[in-house]
Protein backbone atom coordinates (compact mmCIF):
# COMPACT_ATOMS: atom_id res chain seq x y z
CA MET A 1 0.00 0.01 0.00
CA ILE A 2 1.26 3.48 -0.91
CA LEU A 3 0.87 6.29 1.64
CA LYS A 4 1.52 9.98 1.03
CA LEU A 5 2.92 12.91 3.05
CA THR A 6 2.54 16.56 1.99
CA ASN A 7 3.95 19.83 3.26
CA ASN A 8 4.27 23.26 1.61
CA GLY A 9 3.74 21.84 -1.86
CA TYR A 10 6.30 19.04 -1.45
CA SER A 11 5.14 15.41 -1.44
CA VAL A 12 6.52 12.04 -0.38
CA SER A 13 5.17 8.57 -1.19
CA LEU A 14 5.92 5.59 1.02
CA GLU A 15 5.31 1.86 0.66
CA THR A 16 4.10 -0.20 3.62
CA GLN A 17 6.43 -3.01 2.49
CA GLY A 18 9.64 -2.16 4.29
CA GLY A 19 8.45 1.42 4.91
CA GLU A 20 10.26 2.24 1.67
CA LEU A 21 10.56 5.78 0.30
CA LYS A 22 9.15 5.62 -3.25
CA SER A 23 8.88 9.30 -4.26
CA TYR A 24 9.96 12.76 -3.18
CA ALA A 25 8.77 15.60 -5.41
CA ASP A 26 9.12 19.37 -5.14
CA GLU A 27 6.46 22.06 -5.61
CA THR A 28 6.65 21.74 -9.41
CA GLY A 29 6.22 17.97 -9.35
CA LYS A 30 9.89 17.32 -10.17
CA GLU A 31 10.79 13.82 -8.94
CA PHE A 32 14.09 13.29 -7.12
CA VAL A 33 13.80 9.62 -6.02
CA TRP A 34 14.53 6.75 -8.41
CA ASN A 35 11.32 5.37 -9.94
CA SER A 36 12.03 1.64 -9.38
CA ASN A 37 12.17 0.90 -13.11
CA PRO A 38 13.01 -2.85 -13.11
CA GLU A 39 15.04 -2.45 -16.31
CA PHE A 40 17.79 -1.10 -14.03
CA TRP A 41 16.79 -1.62 -10.37
CA SER A 42 13.34 -2.48 -9.00
CA TRP A 43 13.84 -0.81 -5.60
CA SER A 44 13.93 2.88 -4.76
CA ALA A 45 15.19 3.12 -1.16
CA PRO A 46 15.25 -0.23 0.68
CA LEU A 47 16.19 -0.42 4.35
CA LEU A 48 19.16 -2.65 5.24
CA PHE A 49 18.69 -4.62 8.49
CA PRO A 50 19.96 -6.69 10.27
CA THR A 51 22.86 -6.96 7.82
CA ILE A 52 24.29 -4.90 4.96
CA GLY A 53 25.32 -6.48 1.68
CA ASN A 54 26.22 -10.14 1.55
CA LEU A 55 27.59 -12.55 4.11
CA ARG A 56 30.15 -15.21 3.21
CA ASN A 57 28.12 -17.82 1.30
CA GLY A 58 25.03 -16.08 2.68
CA LYS A 59 25.62 -17.46 6.17
CA THR A 60 26.94 -16.31 9.52
CA ILE A 61 27.54 -17.62 13.04
CA ILE A 62 25.62 -16.11 15.96
CA ASN A 63 26.11 -17.52 19.47
CA GLY A 64 27.66 -20.65 18.01
CA LYS A 65 24.82 -21.42 15.59
CA GLU A 66 24.77 -20.92 11.82
CA TYR A 67 22.10 -18.67 10.30
CA GLU A 68 21.31 -17.81 6.70
CA ILE A 69 20.46 -14.12 6.31
CA PRO A 70 19.53 -12.80 2.85
CA LYS A 71 21.57 -10.04 1.23
CA HIS A 72 20.78 -6.68 2.87
CA GLY A 73 18.66 -8.49 5.48
CA PHE A 74 14.92 -9.10 5.54
CA LEU A 75 13.35 -5.90 6.82
CA ARG A 76 12.93 -4.45 3.33
CA ASP A 77 10.55 -7.34 2.50
CA MET A 78 8.40 -7.10 5.63
CA GLN A 79 4.91 -5.62 5.62
CA MET A 80 4.87 -2.91 8.27
CA GLU A 81 2.13 -1.49 10.40
CA TYR A 82 1.89 2.28 10.46
CA GLU A 83 0.63 5.30 12.40
CA ALA A 84 -0.17 8.48 10.46
CA GLU A 85 0.50 11.21 13.01
CA ALA A 86 -0.25 14.15 10.65
CA ASP A 87 -0.29 15.02 6.95
CA ASP A 88 3.48 15.43 7.16
CA THR A 89 4.48 12.65 9.59
CA ILE A 90 4.12 8.89 9.64
CA SER A 91 5.72 6.00 11.51
CA PHE A 92 6.17 2.40 10.36
CA PHE A 93 6.91 -0.39 12.78
CA CYS A 94 7.47 -4.14 12.93
CA SER A 95 8.84 -6.79 15.27
CA ALA A 96 10.59 -10.11 15.18
CA ASN A 97 8.34 -13.04 14.33
CA GLU A 98 8.53 -16.77 13.77
CA ASP A 99 10.01 -16.33 10.30
CA THR A 100 12.66 -13.73 11.21
CA LEU A 101 13.82 -15.87 14.14
CA LYS A 102 14.76 -18.61 11.68
CA HIS A 103 17.28 -16.25 10.07
CA TYR A 104 18.24 -14.01 12.98
CA PRO A 105 17.89 -15.12 16.62
CA PHE A 106 17.07 -11.82 18.28
CA ARG A 107 13.66 -10.46 19.24
CA PHE A 108 13.81 -6.91 17.95
CA ARG A 109 11.36 -4.05 17.53
CA PHE A 110 11.87 -1.55 14.74
CA ARG A 111 10.28 1.84 14.19
CA GLN A 112 10.89 4.17 11.24
CA THR A 113 9.47 7.70 11.24
CA TYR A 114 9.28 10.14 8.32
CA HIS A 115 8.67 13.85 8.91
CA LEU A 116 8.35 16.07 5.83
CA SER A 117 9.20 19.75 6.17
CA GLY A 118 9.10 21.15 2.64
CA PRO A 119 12.48 20.49 1.00
CA VAL A 120 13.76 18.48 3.99
CA LEU A 121 12.70 14.91 4.82
CA HIS A 122 13.74 13.85 8.31
CA ILE A 123 13.97 10.09 8.84
CA THR A 124 14.54 8.41 12.20
CA TYR A 125 15.20 4.71 12.74
CA GLN A 126 14.67 3.27 16.22
CA VAL A 127 15.98 -0.22 16.99
CA THR A 128 14.95 -1.90 20.25
CA ASN A 129 16.31 -5.08 21.74
CA ALA A 130 13.23 -6.86 23.10
CA ASP A 131 15.30 -9.93 23.97
CA ASP A 132 16.99 -10.93 27.23
CA THR A 133 20.48 -11.18 25.70
CA GLU A 134 22.77 -8.69 23.96
CA MET A 135 21.72 -8.06 20.34
CA TYR A 136 23.97 -7.45 17.31
CA TYR A 137 23.00 -5.88 14.00
CA HIS A 138 23.90 -3.71 11.06
CA LEU A 139 21.71 -0.87 9.80
CA GLY A 140 21.85 1.07 6.56
CA GLY A 141 19.89 3.12 4.06
CA HIS A 142 19.94 2.65 0.27
CA PRO A 143 18.01 5.57 -1.30
CA GLY A 144 18.37 6.04 -5.05
CA PHE A 145 18.18 9.51 -6.62
CA MET A 146 17.52 10.58 -10.19
CA CYS A 147 20.81 11.47 -11.89
CA PRO A 148 20.63 13.35 -14.12
CA LEU A 149 17.61 15.35 -12.98
CA GLU A 150 16.94 17.29 -16.17
CA GLU A 151 16.70 16.37 -19.84
CA GLY A 152 19.83 17.35 -21.73
CA GLU A 153 22.07 16.66 -18.74
CA ALA A 154 24.46 13.72 -18.35
CA PHE A 155 25.40 11.58 -15.36
CA SER A 156 28.95 12.92 -15.73
CA ASP A 157 27.71 16.50 -15.26
CA TYR A 158 27.20 15.70 -11.56
CA ILE A 159 29.60 15.64 -8.63
CA LEU A 160 29.66 14.39 -5.05
CA LYS A 161 30.50 17.31 -2.79
CA PHE A 162 31.53 16.85 0.87
CA PRO A 163 31.63 19.63 3.50
CA TYR A 164 35.24 18.85 4.47
CA THR A 165 38.43 18.20 2.56
CA GLU A 166 39.07 14.46 2.87
CA THR A 167 41.65 11.83 2.03
CA CYS A 168 39.97 8.45 1.90
CA ASP A 169 40.80 5.00 0.51
CA SER A 170 37.85 2.94 -0.69
CA PRO A 171 38.15 -0.85 -0.30
CA VAL A 172 37.65 -2.62 -3.62
CA TYR A 173 34.91 -5.25 -3.85
CA ASP A 174 36.30 -8.55 -5.12
CA LEU A 175 33.54 -9.69 -7.48
CA GLU A 176 35.05 -13.16 -7.90
CA ASN A 177 35.09 -13.95 -4.19
CA MET A 178 32.17 -11.68 -3.25
CA GLN A 179 33.97 -9.75 -0.52
CA PHE A 180 35.78 -6.49 0.15
CA ASP A 181 39.56 -6.74 -0.17
CA ILE A 182 41.18 -4.54 2.47
CA THR A 183 44.57 -4.96 0.73
CA HIS A 184 43.23 -3.47 -2.51
CA THR A 185 41.96 0.11 -2.22
CA THR A 186 41.35 3.05 -4.51
CA ARG A 187 41.79 6.70 -3.44
CA TYR A 188 38.88 8.71 -4.82
CA LEU A 189 39.43 11.59 -2.39
CA ASP A 190 42.97 12.92 -1.98
CA ASN A 191 42.91 16.12 0.05
CA SER A 192 39.73 17.01 -1.80
CA ASP A 193 36.03 17.54 -1.14
CA THR A 194 34.77 16.53 -4.60
CA VAL A 195 34.33 13.37 -6.65
CA LYS A 196 33.41 13.91 -10.30
CA LEU A 197 30.94 11.25 -11.39
CA ASP A 198 31.52 8.90 -14.26
CA TYR A 199 29.89 5.53 -14.90
CA SER A 200 33.32 3.87 -15.08
CA LEU A 201 33.76 4.47 -11.33
CA PHE A 202 31.18 1.76 -10.71
CA ASP A 203 32.64 -0.96 -12.92
CA ILE A 204 33.71 -2.73 -9.72
CA ASP A 205 30.46 -2.17 -7.79
CA ALA A 206 30.14 0.46 -5.06
CA LEU A 207 32.40 3.26 -3.84
CA VAL A 208 32.74 2.92 -0.07
CA PHE A 209 34.07 5.74 2.14
CA PRO A 210 34.45 4.61 5.77
CA HIS A 211 34.91 6.80 8.83
CA MET A 212 35.34 10.19 7.21
CA LYS A 213 35.02 13.48 9.04
CA SER A 214 32.17 14.47 6.71
CA ARG A 215 28.72 13.21 7.67
CA SER A 216 26.95 14.94 4.79
CA VAL A 217 27.19 14.82 1.01
CA GLN A 218 25.63 16.63 -1.94
CA LEU A 219 24.83 15.04 -5.29
CA ILE A 220 24.65 18.13 -7.50
CA ASN A 221 25.15 19.54 -10.94
CA PRO A 222 27.60 22.39 -10.16
CA ALA A 223 26.34 24.34 -13.19
CA SER A 224 22.81 24.57 -11.80
CA GLY A 225 23.35 23.87 -8.08
CA LYS A 226 20.40 21.45 -8.20
CA GLY A 227 20.38 17.99 -6.70
CA VAL A 228 20.06 16.45 -3.24
CA GLN A 229 21.92 16.60 0.04
CA VAL A 230 22.01 13.66 2.45
CA ASP A 231 23.03 14.24 6.08
CA TYR A 232 23.87 11.05 7.99
CA PRO A 233 25.10 12.11 11.46
CA ASP A 234 24.63 8.68 13.06
CA PHE A 235 26.26 6.52 10.36
CA THR A 236 29.96 5.68 10.09
CA THR A 237 30.25 4.89 6.37
CA ILE A 238 28.84 6.35 3.16
CA ALA A 239 28.67 4.33 -0.05
CA PHE A 240 27.60 5.15 -3.61
CA TRP A 241 26.25 2.73 -6.20
CA THR A 242 24.67 2.51 -9.61
CA PRO A 243 24.47 -0.73 -11.65
CA SER A 244 27.74 -1.62 -13.35
CA LYS A 245 27.99 -0.99 -17.10
CA ALA A 246 24.25 -0.17 -17.32
CA GLU A 247 24.38 3.65 -17.59
CA ALA A 248 21.33 3.82 -15.33
CA PRO A 249 19.94 7.32 -14.71
CA PHE A 250 20.25 7.22 -10.92
CA LEU A 251 22.75 7.05 -8.08
CA CYS A 252 22.27 5.53 -4.63
CA ILE A 253 23.65 7.35 -1.60
CA GLU A 254 23.97 4.75 1.15
CA PRO A 255 24.67 5.56 4.82
CA TRP A 256 25.87 2.43 6.59
CA ASN A 257 26.62 1.19 10.07
CA GLY A 258 28.26 -1.99 8.85
CA ALA A 259 29.19 -3.45 5.47
CA ALA A 260 29.30 -6.65 3.44
CA ILE A 261 31.86 -9.30 4.34
CA PHE A 262 35.55 -8.37 4.24
CA ALA A 263 38.27 -10.85 3.31
CA ASP A 264 39.96 -10.49 6.71
CA GLU A 265 36.78 -11.21 8.69
CA ASP A 266 35.75 -14.61 10.00
CA ASN A 267 32.14 -15.81 9.91
CA ASP A 268 31.21 -14.74 13.44
CA PHE A 269 28.56 -12.03 13.08
CA THR A 270 29.70 -10.25 16.25
CA HIS A 271 33.17 -9.71 14.70
CA LYS A 272 31.90 -7.77 11.68
CA ARG A 273 33.01 -4.18 11.10
CA ASP A 274 30.94 -1.49 12.79
CA ILE A 275 28.67 -4.04 14.43
CA GLN A 276 25.96 -2.36 16.49
CA THR A 277 25.07 -3.71 19.93
CA LEU A 278 22.17 -3.26 22.29
CA LYS A 279 21.82 -4.68 25.77
CA ALA A 280 18.54 -6.35 26.72
CA GLY A 281 15.73 -3.78 26.72
CA GLU A 282 17.85 -1.00 25.21
CA SER A 283 16.87 1.18 22.23
CA ARG A 284 18.93 3.34 19.87
CA THR A 285 17.80 6.01 17.43
CA TYR A 286 19.57 6.95 14.17
CA GLU A 287 18.82 10.07 12.11
CA LEU A 288 18.98 10.74 8.39
CA PHE A 289 18.06 13.92 6.47
CA ILE A 290 17.32 14.24 2.75
CA ARG A 291 17.29 17.82 1.45
CA LEU A 292 16.17 18.70 -2.07
CA LEU A 293 18.40 21.38 -3.61
CA VAL A 294 16.04 23.23 -5.95
């Protein structure tokens, strides 16, 4: 089911499956979120929980027992209940059930709230450990944005602009072994705040920038200043992805707490990079902001 938020002429559409953002349009009706065209990618902004990317052979060890968790987790496929608090605010929520416990042994509660304030969409994720043991998880966003935005523009007209000058090495994803190779990195930022986009950057899957000072990024055409800004204050890594060699007209901006499997990691889930932990009964809230630059 599709639900809609409106505020000051701006509109957002949301799907009850996974609480997924499906549309964000400005006052003129200009769409900024990827339209889920299955020719390129049938999602628009799936939520990644309780894992990000793939595990080694799709499996992991938790408390001594092997579990099979699908790529990017299972929350994006769950039908969520919802509470419409106002025309501009809605919350989606779900909990562990018999099926999730087969893949992931923790009793969790999850709540995702969207608040639309014109050109700014504020998203909060609340994770609660409803179990009696310590809980481990990854959490990430995967929103896709139209790129280019306007007819006559090209993907390569756009840049990624960070608020701080950064030097950052991105681990390369080993497509043959399906894992990140920490010994093989590429430096896309070298005392710079800008990455110029080109489809060739994504020939080896995603660009991954871990633990930078910047916790915000703009996807913009510098000639027009139009695009989107994503602020991710509570996430440690930012990744960028568009399908390899497809020349798809969108780019995903992905804030992560966690990542797919690395070559130097074992199969124990609790040993994964940036693993999040909650004691029994604890909750944690993560914030994300999407700003349309019009």
